Amino acid sequence: MPIRATKRGVDRGPLSGTRDVLICGASFAGLAVARELAGSGADVLIVDRYEIGERATSACGIPTAWLEAAGLIAAELQRFDSLLVHTPHGTRRYTLPWTFSTFDYRELCRLLWSDCDACFETAKVNGLAAHGETGWAGSGDGPGGQVIAVDTDRGVLSAPLVVDALGWRRQLAAGESYQPPDAPLSRGIEVHPPGRSEEFEIWIDRRYVRAGYCWSFPAGDEVRIGVGSLDPRFPLREPVALLAEDLGRDLVGYQGGYIPHKLRAATEGGVFFVGDSAGHCMPLTAEGIRPALYYGTALGRELRGVVEGRQSRAQASARYVDFTDVQAWKFRWLLRGQRMLPHVPPRLLGPAIRLLGVNRRLVDWIFGHYMRFAPPEGHESGRRPRARLTQLAYAIHRPVGGPR
């Protein structure tokens, strides 16, 4: 594995040249793509403004089965088998049909990176280079056809296969910018006070946020307390301070950002988009880590088929688009639920949540379907034993030429 160190000052020299695959973004989605390309022989470069694992922007929680299936369980900090839901008109505990885990962001990124054989450089991606696509710089047409040039603060990089995993800004998209408050984005902020708790909790309470919810996710020696608003204009610092005060916790370790809640095109202008840049975040619940790993793994397999000569870039693009379309209807239904939530009168919400908690079979059905949004069941890869794929991804998108 290449030794990585962030370059600073005079050591942070210019970058240029053409690679087989250029992955912009080194969080969950980008690393999942790179992980699937390991051992393919491709010259893969990952670039990100920050070091790998340096900057977490979420509460870092995921169903435990996903950590196990992806070989990432060593990053787990705490596990929960129930969810406590609070409303102004009552509280209900739900026993989950599966467990949920909080994890260490830096450690999970390290585990993903340890399975990669890509190179990494710190660089800020500005967008597509002004001259757009150019001819392939090597012999023939290259593994992916024409190369795509990307402008960074250290120079222009190019590759026939380019991935945008940079987040909701969708840096490598053409056309108009994608900016709040008009873009389809939610917003979240949280604090990380020290302390321990055994309760995995959420609040649906307009005392804290007009349209949204709050959470308290214990993670070992800290508690991640946050507020998410479906309206990005809504100020969040006062609500998170109020919640922390109510819980007797300190206001330390602020982090937050915008959260996409609408699918966007999976490909555009030859670029592949994954994770938040493609809107791969579940509306209503704002769970984005599981979809990032799910779609990142699927995209990595398609790109592997290109570099190994089993399909063209156009074929990989079509298959990846088809794959994302399979579950698009689930995103639409969750978005409908998100839009409906602010209009439910609080006096009805509390009794409905209490009633739901009484029916264990209904709870199991709801959470079971939610898990199947991006299922953790996988099949071991014959080429790399630690690599896993979700069952749906494997069944629908078996690479051209058969499984690895």
Protein backbone atom coordinates (compact mmCIF):
# COMPACT_ATOMS: atom_id res chain seq x y z
CA MET A 1 0.00 0.00 0.00
CA PRO A 2 1.44 3.45 -0.90
CA ILE A 3 2.62 5.50 2.05
CA ARG A 4 0.51 8.64 2.29
CA ALA A 5 1.38 11.90 3.94
CA THR A 6 -0.29 15.24 3.44
CA LYS A 7 2.04 17.64 1.65
CA ARG A 8 2.35 21.13 3.07
CA GLY A 9 4.14 24.32 2.00
CA VAL A 10 6.91 23.94 -0.60
CA ASP A 11 6.41 20.15 -0.62
CA ARG A 12 2.91 20.62 -1.96
CA GLY A 13 4.05 20.94 -5.55
CA PRO A 14 2.14 20.88 -8.83
CA LEU A 15 0.09 17.88 -9.96
CA SER A 16 -0.50 16.89 -13.55
CA GLY A 17 -0.75 13.92 -15.85
CA THR A 18 -3.23 11.30 -16.93
CA ARG A 19 -4.32 8.31 -14.82
CA ASP A 20 -6.59 5.38 -15.62
CA VAL A 21 -9.07 6.41 -12.93
CA LEU A 22 -9.36 9.72 -11.08
CA ILE A 23 -11.54 9.68 -7.94
CA CYS A 24 -12.36 13.11 -6.52
CA GLY A 25 -13.37 12.70 -2.88
CA ALA A 26 -11.86 10.44 -0.22
CA SER A 27 -14.75 9.69 2.12
CA PHE A 28 -17.09 6.68 2.15
CA ALA A 29 -18.20 6.69 -1.49
CA GLY A 30 -14.85 7.50 -3.06
CA LEU A 31 -12.97 4.96 -0.97
CA ALA A 32 -15.59 2.30 -1.73
CA VAL A 33 -15.02 2.85 -5.46
CA ALA A 34 -11.23 2.65 -5.04
CA ARG A 35 -11.52 -0.47 -2.90
CA GLU A 36 -13.28 -2.33 -5.71
CA LEU A 37 -10.52 -1.37 -8.16
CA ALA A 38 -7.71 -2.82 -6.04
CA GLY A 39 -5.78 -5.53 -7.85
CA SER A 40 -7.16 -4.54 -11.26
CA GLY A 41 -3.85 -3.10 -12.41
CA ALA A 42 -5.41 0.33 -12.93
CA ASP A 43 -3.46 3.49 -12.12
CA VAL A 44 -5.92 5.04 -9.67
CA LEU A 45 -5.48 8.46 -8.06
CA ILE A 46 -7.72 9.78 -5.27
CA VAL A 47 -7.69 13.50 -4.52
CA ASP A 48 -9.37 15.33 -1.68
CA ARG A 49 -9.01 18.69 0.01
CA TYR A 50 -8.44 16.93 3.33
CA GLU A 51 -6.46 13.92 4.47
CA ILE A 52 -8.24 10.59 4.42
CA GLY A 53 -10.27 10.36 7.61
CA GLU A 54 -9.51 13.94 8.66
CA ARG A 55 -12.93 15.58 8.50
CA ALA A 56 -16.13 13.82 9.57
CA THR A 57 -19.41 15.53 8.74
CA SER A 58 -22.01 13.10 10.11
CA ALA A 59 -23.05 11.28 13.26
CA CYS A 60 -21.34 8.18 11.82
CA GLY A 61 -23.96 5.51 12.42
CA ILE A 62 -24.92 2.50 10.31
CA PRO A 63 -26.68 -0.86 10.71
CA THR A 64 -24.21 -3.26 12.33
CA ALA A 65 -24.71 -5.82 9.58
CA TRP A 66 -23.18 -3.41 7.09
CA LEU A 67 -19.99 -3.04 9.14
CA GLU A 68 -19.77 -6.83 9.34
CA ALA A 69 -20.51 -7.46 5.65
CA ALA A 70 -18.02 -4.83 4.51
CA GLY A 71 -15.23 -5.99 6.84
CA LEU A 72 -15.33 -2.71 8.80
CA ILE A 73 -16.51 -3.93 12.20
CA ALA A 74 -13.22 -2.89 13.84
CA ALA A 75 -14.39 0.74 13.56
CA GLU A 76 -17.47 0.10 15.74
CA LEU A 77 -17.75 2.10 18.97
CA GLN A 78 -21.18 1.19 20.35
CA ARG A 79 -24.15 -1.00 19.39
CA PHE A 80 -27.89 -0.56 20.00
CA ASP A 81 -30.85 -2.92 19.71
CA SER A 82 -33.59 -0.37 20.47
CA LEU A 83 -34.58 3.17 19.52
CA LEU A 84 -36.18 5.65 21.91
CA VAL A 85 -38.49 8.11 20.11
CA HIS A 86 -39.58 11.28 21.92
CA THR A 87 -42.49 13.58 20.99
CA PRO A 88 -44.16 16.38 22.96
CA HIS A 89 -47.01 13.97 23.70
CA GLY A 90 -45.09 10.89 24.79
CA THR A 91 -42.13 8.57 24.35
CA ARG A 92 -41.96 5.08 22.87
CA ARG A 93 -39.16 2.54 22.76
CA TYR A 94 -38.88 0.43 19.61
CA THR A 95 -37.07 -2.89 19.76
CA LEU A 96 -35.24 -3.10 16.43
CA PRO A 97 -35.17 -6.26 14.30
CA TRP A 98 -31.49 -5.53 13.70
CA THR A 99 -28.82 -3.60 15.57
CA PHE A 100 -27.41 -0.17 14.78
CA SER A 101 -23.82 0.91 15.45
CA THR A 102 -21.95 4.16 15.86
CA PHE A 103 -18.37 4.07 14.64
CA ASP A 104 -15.10 5.97 14.51
CA TYR A 105 -14.92 7.90 11.22
CA ARG A 106 -11.13 8.01 11.01
CA GLU A 107 -10.80 4.29 11.72
CA LEU A 108 -13.46 3.31 9.18
CA CYS A 109 -11.75 5.39 6.49
CA ARG A 110 -8.43 3.82 7.45
CA LEU A 111 -9.90 0.34 7.05
CA LEU A 112 -11.33 1.20 3.63
CA TRP A 113 -8.02 2.74 2.56
CA SER A 114 -6.03 -0.28 3.73
CA ASP A 115 -7.83 -2.37 1.10
CA CYS A 116 -6.95 0.05 -1.71
CA ASP A 117 -3.85 0.13 -3.87
CA ALA A 118 -4.54 3.63 -5.21
CA CYS A 119 -2.39 6.72 -4.73
CA PHE A 120 -3.65 9.71 -2.77
CA GLU A 121 -2.91 13.43 -2.98
CA THR A 122 -4.39 16.39 -1.13
CA ALA A 123 -5.80 18.85 -3.66
CA LYS A 124 -8.84 21.11 -3.85
CA VAL A 125 -10.98 20.26 -6.88
CA ASN A 126 -12.26 23.39 -8.61
CA GLY A 127 -14.26 21.73 -11.38
CA LEU A 128 -13.81 20.52 -14.91
CA ALA A 129 -10.88 22.10 -16.73
CA ALA A 130 -11.84 24.83 -19.14
CA HIS A 131 -10.97 22.79 -22.23
CA GLY A 132 -13.22 19.90 -21.11
CA GLU A 133 -12.54 16.56 -22.78
CA THR A 134 -9.39 16.04 -24.81
CA GLY A 135 -8.03 13.16 -26.80
CA TRP A 136 -6.61 10.11 -24.99
CA ALA A 137 -3.01 10.86 -24.08
CA GLY A 138 -1.76 7.28 -24.34
CA SER A 139 -1.76 4.70 -27.09
CA GLY A 140 -5.07 3.80 -28.70
CA ASP A 141 -8.23 5.00 -27.03
CA GLY A 142 -7.30 3.99 -23.47
CA PRO A 143 -9.48 1.92 -21.15
CA GLY A 144 -12.29 4.44 -21.03
CA GLY A 145 -12.13 6.38 -24.28
CA GLN A 146 -11.44 10.12 -24.27
CA VAL A 147 -9.95 11.63 -21.15
CA ILE A 148 -11.70 14.18 -18.95
CA ALA A 149 -9.63 17.02 -17.50
CA VAL A 150 -10.18 18.19 -13.92
CA ASP A 151 -8.84 21.47 -12.55
CA THR A 152 -7.37 21.44 -9.02
CA ASP A 153 -5.46 23.99 -6.99
CA ARG A 154 -2.30 22.01 -7.80
CA GLY A 155 -2.83 21.66 -11.53
CA VAL A 156 -4.90 19.83 -14.14
CA LEU A 157 -5.38 16.08 -13.80
CA SER A 158 -7.06 13.87 -16.36
CA ALA A 159 -8.39 10.35 -16.79
CA PRO A 160 -10.83 8.50 -19.03
CA LEU A 161 -12.71 7.40 -15.91
CA VAL A 162 -13.53 10.25 -13.49
CA VAL A 163 -15.61 9.95 -10.33
CA ASP A 164 -17.16 12.85 -8.41
CA ALA A 165 -17.54 11.77 -4.78
CA LEU A 166 -17.01 15.28 -3.42
CA GLY A 167 -20.42 15.79 -1.83
CA TRP A 168 -23.57 17.78 -2.48
CA ARG A 169 -21.81 20.59 -4.36
CA ARG A 170 -21.36 18.23 -7.34
CA GLN A 171 -18.19 20.01 -8.39
CA LEU A 172 -17.73 18.23 -11.73
CA ALA A 173 -21.23 18.83 -13.06
CA ALA A 174 -21.80 21.19 -15.94
CA GLY A 175 -24.43 23.93 -15.96
CA GLU A 176 -25.83 25.99 -13.13
CA SER A 177 -24.45 25.77 -9.60
CA TYR A 178 -26.18 23.74 -6.92
CA GLN A 179 -26.43 26.05 -3.94
CA PRO A 180 -28.59 26.42 -0.81
CA PRO A 181 -31.12 27.58 0.15
CA ASP A 182 -32.82 26.89 -3.18
CA ALA A 183 -31.23 23.47 -3.79
CA PRO A 184 -33.00 20.34 -2.44
CA LEU A 185 -30.92 20.13 0.71
CA SER A 186 -31.54 19.56 4.39
CA ARG A 187 -29.13 20.78 7.05
CA GLY A 188 -27.70 19.31 10.22
CA ILE A 189 -25.47 20.36 13.09
CA GLU A 190 -24.21 18.40 16.07
CA VAL A 191 -21.92 18.59 19.08
CA HIS A 192 -19.76 15.83 20.55
CA PRO A 193 -19.58 16.28 24.32
CA PRO A 194 -17.68 13.70 26.35
CA GLY A 195 -19.74 11.21 28.31
CA ARG A 196 -21.46 7.88 28.03
CA SER A 197 -25.02 6.73 27.46
CA GLU A 198 -26.82 3.54 26.56
CA GLU A 199 -29.81 5.20 24.91
CA PHE A 200 -30.10 5.58 21.13
CA GLU A 201 -32.62 8.44 20.83
CA ILE A 202 -34.41 10.76 18.43
CA TRP A 203 -36.81 13.68 19.05
CA ILE A 204 -39.62 14.85 16.80
CA ASP A 205 -40.43 18.04 18.64
CA ARG A 206 -41.11 21.50 17.21
CA ARG A 207 -39.75 23.02 20.39
CA TYR A 208 -36.33 22.26 18.92
CA VAL A 209 -36.89 22.34 15.16
CA ARG A 210 -39.92 23.37 13.14
CA ALA A 211 -39.53 20.73 10.40
CA GLY A 212 -37.04 18.03 11.26
CA TYR A 213 -35.79 15.99 14.17
CA CYS A 214 -33.04 15.74 16.79
CA TRP A 215 -30.82 12.88 17.89
CA SER A 216 -28.51 11.62 20.59
CA PHE A 217 -26.16 8.85 19.38
CA PRO A 218 -23.72 7.58 22.04
CA ALA A 219 -20.34 6.58 20.62
CA GLY A 220 -18.08 5.15 23.29
CA ASP A 221 -16.70 8.02 25.34
CA GLU A 222 -18.71 10.75 23.61
CA VAL A 223 -22.34 11.48 22.80
CA ARG A 224 -23.24 12.86 19.37
CA ILE A 225 -26.11 15.31 19.88
CA GLY A 226 -27.59 16.97 16.84
CA VAL A 227 -30.45 18.74 15.12
CA GLY A 228 -31.50 18.25 11.50
CA SER A 229 -33.77 20.64 9.65
CA LEU A 230 -35.59 19.84 6.42
CA ASP A 231 -35.50 23.60 5.74
CA PRO A 232 -31.86 24.69 5.21
CA ARG A 233 -32.79 28.27 6.13
CA PHE A 234 -33.68 27.31 9.70
CA PRO A 235 -30.95 28.34 12.21
CA LEU A 236 -29.63 25.34 14.16
CA ARG A 237 -27.14 26.58 16.76
CA GLU A 238 -29.77 27.66 19.26
CA PRO A 239 -31.77 24.41 18.93
CA VAL A 240 -28.72 22.21 19.41
CA ALA A 241 -27.70 24.30 22.43
CA LEU A 242 -31.21 23.87 23.89
CA LEU A 243 -31.15 20.11 23.36
CA ALA A 244 -27.68 19.78 24.88
CA GLU A 245 -28.80 21.83 27.86
CA ASP A 246 -31.87 19.64 28.33
CA LEU A 247 -29.62 16.57 28.28
CA GLY A 248 -27.07 18.13 30.65
CA ARG A 249 -24.27 17.97 28.06
CA ASP A 250 -21.57 20.48 27.11
CA LEU A 251 -21.50 22.34 23.81
CA VAL A 252 -18.19 21.10 22.37
CA GLY A 253 -17.04 19.58 19.10
CA TYR A 254 -19.33 21.35 16.62
CA GLN A 255 -19.68 19.92 13.14
CA GLY A 256 -22.35 19.98 10.47
CA GLY A 257 -23.32 20.69 6.91
CA TYR A 258 -25.88 20.29 4.17
CA ILE A 259 -27.56 16.97 3.36
CA PRO A 260 -29.01 16.15 -0.10
CA HIS A 261 -32.51 14.71 -0.11
CA LYS A 262 -33.13 14.23 -3.81
CA LEU A 263 -31.52 11.93 -6.38
CA ARG A 264 -29.49 13.54 -9.15
CA ALA A 265 -28.15 12.12 -12.41
CA ALA A 266 -25.68 9.29 -11.80
CA THR A 267 -23.61 10.29 -14.83
CA GLU A 268 -23.13 13.54 -16.73
CA GLY A 269 -20.66 14.48 -19.45
CA GLY A 270 -18.74 11.24 -19.01
CA VAL A 271 -18.29 11.79 -15.23
CA PHE A 272 -19.65 9.27 -12.71
CA PHE A 273 -21.31 10.69 -9.59
CA VAL A 274 -21.68 8.77 -6.32
CA GLY A 275 -22.55 9.47 -2.71
CA ASP A 276 -23.92 12.91 -1.86
CA SER A 277 -22.95 14.27 -5.29
CA ALA A 278 -25.56 11.90 -6.78
CA GLY A 279 -28.06 12.49 -3.98
CA HIS A 280 -27.37 9.04 -2.52
CA CYS A 281 -28.76 9.98 0.87
CA MET A 282 -32.07 8.66 2.16
CA PRO A 283 -34.71 11.39 2.48
CA LEU A 284 -36.56 11.62 5.81
CA THR A 285 -33.86 9.77 7.81
CA ALA A 286 -30.83 11.48 6.20
CA GLU A 287 -28.88 8.22 6.30
CA GLY A 288 -26.12 8.63 3.72
CA ILE A 289 -23.28 6.33 4.75
CA ARG A 290 -24.98 3.08 3.81
CA PRO A 291 -26.03 4.34 0.34
CA ALA A 292 -22.54 5.77 -0.21
CA LEU A 293 -20.95 2.37 0.41
CA TYR A 294 -23.68 0.56 -1.53
CA TYR A 295 -23.52 2.67 -4.68
CA GLY A 296 -19.76 3.20 -4.40
CA THR A 297 -19.23 -0.56 -4.41
CA ALA A 298 -21.49 -0.99 -7.44
CA LEU A 299 -19.75 1.82 -9.34
CA GLY A 300 -16.32 0.41 -8.50
CA ARG A 301 -17.27 -2.92 -10.01
CA GLU A 302 -18.49 -1.28 -13.20
CA LEU A 303 -15.28 0.74 -13.55
CA ARG A 304 -13.26 -2.40 -12.91
CA GLY A 305 -15.01 -3.97 -15.88
CA VAL A 306 -13.78 -1.05 -18.01
CA VAL A 307 -10.13 -1.14 -16.93
CA GLU A 308 -10.07 -4.91 -17.38
CA GLY A 309 -11.44 -4.56 -20.90
CA ARG A 310 -14.75 -6.32 -20.29
CA GLN A 311 -16.89 -3.31 -21.15
CA SER A 312 -16.64 0.24 -22.45
CA ARG A 313 -17.13 3.44 -20.47
CA ALA A 314 -20.48 3.90 -22.20
CA GLN A 315 -21.58 0.42 -21.16
CA ALA A 316 -20.45 1.00 -17.59
CA SER A 317 -22.33 4.30 -17.55
CA ALA A 318 -25.54 2.70 -18.81
CA ARG A 319 -25.33 -0.16 -16.31
CA TYR A 320 -24.61 2.18 -13.40
CA VAL A 321 -27.56 4.40 -14.34
CA ASP A 322 -29.81 1.33 -14.56
CA PHE A 323 -28.60 0.21 -11.15
CA THR A 324 -29.38 3.55 -9.49
CA ASP A 325 -32.80 3.63 -11.19
CA VAL A 326 -33.79 0.29 -9.61
CA GLN A 327 -34.31 1.85 -6.18
CA ALA A 328 -35.20 5.39 -7.27
CA TRP A 329 -38.83 4.78 -6.30
CA LYS A 330 -37.75 4.20 -2.68
CA PHE A 331 -36.05 7.59 -2.62
CA ARG A 332 -39.25 9.15 -3.96
CA TRP A 333 -41.41 7.52 -1.27
CA LEU A 334 -39.08 8.59 1.53
CA LEU A 335 -39.08 12.12 0.11
CA ARG A 336 -42.89 12.10 0.21
CA GLY A 337 -42.70 11.11 3.86
CA GLN A 338 -40.21 13.88 4.52
CA ARG A 339 -42.50 16.47 2.95
CA MET A 340 -45.51 15.17 4.87
CA LEU A 341 -43.86 15.08 8.33
CA PRO A 342 -43.98 18.86 9.01
CA HIS A 343 -47.73 18.88 8.32
CA VAL A 344 -48.64 16.16 10.83
CA PRO A 345 -50.20 17.85 13.91
CA PRO A 346 -48.12 17.10 17.04
CA ARG A 347 -51.26 15.98 18.91
CA LEU A 348 -51.61 13.16 16.34
CA LEU A 349 -47.92 12.32 15.99
CA GLY A 350 -47.40 11.28 19.60
CA PRO A 351 -50.33 8.81 19.76
CA ALA A 352 -49.39 7.41 16.34
CA ILE A 353 -45.83 6.71 17.47
CA ARG A 354 -47.04 5.10 20.71
CA LEU A 355 -49.53 2.93 18.82
CA LEU A 356 -46.88 1.83 16.33
CA GLY A 357 -44.63 0.75 19.17
CA VAL A 358 -47.26 -1.68 20.45
CA ASN A 359 -47.33 -3.65 17.19
CA ARG A 360 -44.02 -5.53 17.05
CA ARG A 361 -44.80 -7.19 13.72
CA LEU A 362 -45.45 -3.82 12.11
CA VAL A 363 -42.21 -2.40 13.54
CA ASP A 364 -40.28 -5.39 12.18
CA TRP A 365 -41.95 -4.94 8.78
CA ILE A 366 -41.12 -1.23 8.58
CA PHE A 367 -37.51 -1.56 9.69
CA GLY A 368 -37.06 -4.69 7.60
CA HIS A 369 -38.09 -2.82 4.47
CA TYR A 370 -35.90 0.09 5.47
CA MET A 371 -32.89 -2.21 5.70
CA ARG A 372 -33.60 -3.58 2.23
CA PHE A 373 -33.14 -0.08 0.84
CA ALA A 374 -29.42 -0.89 0.59
CA PRO A 375 -29.11 -4.44 1.98
CA PRO A 376 -25.92 -5.63 3.68
CA GLU A 377 -26.04 -9.23 2.53
CA GLY A 378 -23.06 -9.88 0.29
CA HIS A 379 -21.07 -12.45 -1.56
CA GLU A 380 -17.34 -12.92 -1.10
CA SER A 381 -15.28 -11.90 -4.09
CA GLY A 382 -13.14 -14.64 -5.55
CA ARG A 383 -10.43 -12.12 -6.35
CA ARG A 384 -10.27 -10.31 -3.01
CA PRO A 385 -11.74 -12.27 -0.07
CA ARG A 386 -12.45 -9.15 2.02
CA ALA A 387 -14.39 -7.40 -0.74
CA ARG A 388 -18.18 -7.67 -0.32
CA LEU A 389 -21.13 -6.71 -2.45
CA THR A 390 -24.71 -6.23 -1.52
CA GLN A 391 -26.92 -9.05 -2.71
CA LEU A 392 -29.01 -6.79 -4.90
CA ALA A 393 -25.97 -5.22 -6.56
CA TYR A 394 -24.54 -8.64 -7.32
CA ALA A 395 -27.79 -10.05 -8.66
CA ILE A 396 -28.62 -7.12 -10.93
CA HIS A 397 -25.18 -6.02 -12.02
CA ARG A 398 -23.03 -9.11 -12.44
CA PRO A 399 -20.03 -7.72 -14.33
CA VAL A 400 -19.68 -8.50 -18.03
CA GLY A 401 -17.80 -11.78 -18.35
CA GLY A 402 -19.01 -13.23 -15.07
CA PRO A 403 -18.18 -12.71 -11.38
CA ARG A 404 -14.71 -11.92 -10.12
